[in-house]
Amino acid sequence: MNTVENREAIVATSAQYVPLCPADALAPGEMSRFDPEGMDPIVLCNYQGDYYALEDECTHAIASMAEGEFVEDQLVCPVHGGRFCVTTGAATKLPCRQALKTWPISIVDGVVCLQID
């Protein structure tokens, strides 16, 4: 996980940071859906203390991944049981074949932030 403690470090990059929630909002093994303004919904997962952001819509069927299960390092689609790796977005079980889009996460002043270009 990329942690940024200094706002000056953020200004020095070309990335934009979208605040999502306090860093302690999700315990390891928990996930939640977020709707950042101007973006499609994302699912934020806390896997072993690190946060990962993935697109919320399954690439196989129109389903919210946040309504599925979070098992070990896998997101399980609630419709057909396809799986995706939380850390990479890769499809790991059929019928899913296409990866979920992922975004980097940073912790800024105790807030989980989505990093977008």
Protein backbone atom coordinates (compact mmCIF):
# COMPACT_ATOMS: atom_id res chain seq x y z
CA MET A 1 0.00 0.00 0.00
CA ASN A 2 1.26 3.43 -0.88
CA THR A 3 1.06 5.75 2.13
CA VAL A 4 1.40 9.50 1.75
CA GLU A 5 1.67 11.46 4.99
CA ASN A 6 2.45 14.84 3.47
CA ARG A 7 0.10 16.86 1.27
CA GLU A 8 3.12 18.48 -0.45
CA ALA A 9 4.02 15.04 -1.82
CA ILE A 10 0.59 14.86 -3.44
CA VAL A 11 0.93 18.24 -5.10
CA ALA A 12 4.24 17.14 -6.64
CA THR A 13 2.53 14.32 -8.58
CA SER A 14 0.25 14.50 -11.60
CA ALA A 15 -2.28 12.15 -10.00
CA GLN A 16 -5.58 13.26 -8.52
CA TYR A 17 -6.76 11.84 -5.20
CA VAL A 18 -10.43 11.14 -4.47
CA PRO A 19 -11.19 10.65 -0.76
CA LEU A 20 -13.29 7.56 0.00
CA CYS A 21 -13.37 6.85 3.75
CA PRO A 22 -11.35 6.95 6.98
CA ALA A 23 -8.42 4.50 6.94
CA ASP A 24 -9.96 2.51 9.79
CA ALA A 25 -13.44 2.22 8.18
CA LEU A 26 -12.96 -1.34 6.90
CA ALA A 27 -11.43 -4.17 8.88
CA PRO A 28 -9.31 -6.77 7.07
CA GLY A 29 -11.64 -9.03 5.07
CA GLU A 30 -14.30 -6.33 4.63
CA MET A 31 -15.39 -4.52 1.47
CA SER A 32 -17.72 -1.67 0.60
CA ARG A 33 -19.11 0.01 -2.50
CA PHE A 34 -18.35 3.68 -3.17
CA ASP A 35 -19.73 6.03 -5.81
CA PRO A 36 -17.04 8.66 -6.49
CA GLU A 37 -18.43 11.72 -8.26
CA GLY A 38 -18.02 11.50 -12.04
CA MET A 39 -16.93 7.84 -11.93
CA ASP A 40 -18.54 4.42 -12.13
CA PRO A 41 -18.97 2.71 -8.73
CA ILE A 42 -15.98 0.98 -7.19
CA VAL A 43 -15.62 -1.71 -4.55
CA LEU A 44 -12.99 -1.03 -1.90
CA CYS A 45 -11.50 -4.11 -0.23
CA ASN A 46 -9.30 -4.40 2.84
CA TYR A 47 -7.15 -7.47 2.23
CA GLN A 48 -4.68 -8.24 5.03
CA GLY A 49 -4.61 -4.58 6.10
CA ASP A 50 -4.02 -3.15 2.61
CA TYR A 51 -6.72 -1.43 0.56
CA TYR A 52 -7.52 -2.31 -3.06
CA ALA A 53 -10.00 -0.54 -5.36
CA LEU A 54 -11.69 -2.37 -8.24
CA GLU A 55 -14.57 -1.62 -10.57
CA ASP A 56 -17.80 -2.72 -8.94
CA GLU A 57 -19.50 -4.26 -11.99
CA CYS A 58 -18.70 -7.87 -12.90
CA THR A 59 -17.16 -8.16 -16.37
CA HIS A 60 -19.31 -11.22 -17.16
CA ALA A 61 -22.77 -10.15 -15.99
CA ILE A 62 -24.29 -6.92 -14.75
CA ALA A 63 -23.85 -7.45 -11.02
CA SER A 64 -22.38 -5.44 -8.17
CA MET A 65 -19.25 -7.14 -6.87
CA ALA A 66 -19.90 -5.47 -3.49
CA GLU A 67 -23.02 -7.67 -3.22
CA GLY A 68 -20.91 -10.81 -3.64
CA GLU A 69 -18.51 -12.44 -1.22
CA PHE A 70 -14.94 -11.55 -0.27
CA VAL A 71 -13.16 -14.91 0.28
CA GLU A 72 -9.43 -14.84 1.08
CA ASP A 73 -7.98 -12.77 -1.82
CA GLN A 74 -10.97 -13.29 -4.13
CA LEU A 75 -14.12 -11.32 -4.94
CA VAL A 76 -16.95 -13.71 -5.84
CA CYS A 77 -19.64 -12.51 -8.26
CA PRO A 78 -23.12 -12.86 -6.70
CA VAL A 79 -24.70 -13.93 -10.02
CA HIS A 80 -22.60 -16.78 -11.45
CA GLY A 81 -19.86 -17.32 -8.85
CA GLY A 82 -17.01 -16.12 -11.06
CA ARG A 83 -13.99 -14.86 -9.14
CA PHE A 84 -11.48 -12.05 -9.36
CA CYS A 85 -8.18 -11.51 -7.55
CA VAL A 86 -8.53 -8.53 -5.20
CA THR A 87 -4.89 -7.46 -5.59
CA THR A 88 -4.72 -7.52 -9.41
CA GLY A 89 -8.31 -7.59 -10.67
CA ALA A 90 -7.51 -10.72 -12.73
CA ALA A 91 -10.38 -13.10 -13.50
CA THR A 92 -9.58 -16.36 -11.70
CA LYS A 93 -12.69 -18.53 -12.15
CA LEU A 94 -15.09 -19.01 -15.04
CA PRO A 95 -17.41 -17.76 -16.33
CA CYS A 96 -15.41 -14.56 -15.79
CA ARG A 97 -12.59 -14.07 -18.28
CA GLN A 98 -11.93 -10.31 -18.36
CA ALA A 99 -10.18 -8.59 -15.44
CA LEU A 100 -11.78 -5.91 -13.31
CA LYS A 101 -10.23 -2.46 -13.63
CA THR A 102 -8.15 -1.46 -10.61
CA TRP A 103 -6.91 1.84 -9.21
CA PRO A 104 -4.02 2.61 -6.87
CA ILE A 105 -4.89 3.61 -3.32
CA SER A 106 -3.07 6.02 -1.01
CA ILE A 107 -3.67 6.92 2.62
CA VAL A 108 -3.60 10.71 2.98
CA ASP A 109 -3.93 12.18 6.48
CA GLY A 110 -5.76 9.06 7.67
CA VAL A 111 -8.16 8.96 4.71
CA VAL A 112 -8.27 6.21 2.05
CA CYS A 113 -7.96 7.96 -1.33
CA LEU A 114 -8.46 6.64 -4.84
CA GLN A 115 -5.61 7.71 -7.12
CA ILE A 116 -6.67 8.67 -10.63
CA ASP A 117 -4.68 10.19 -13.49
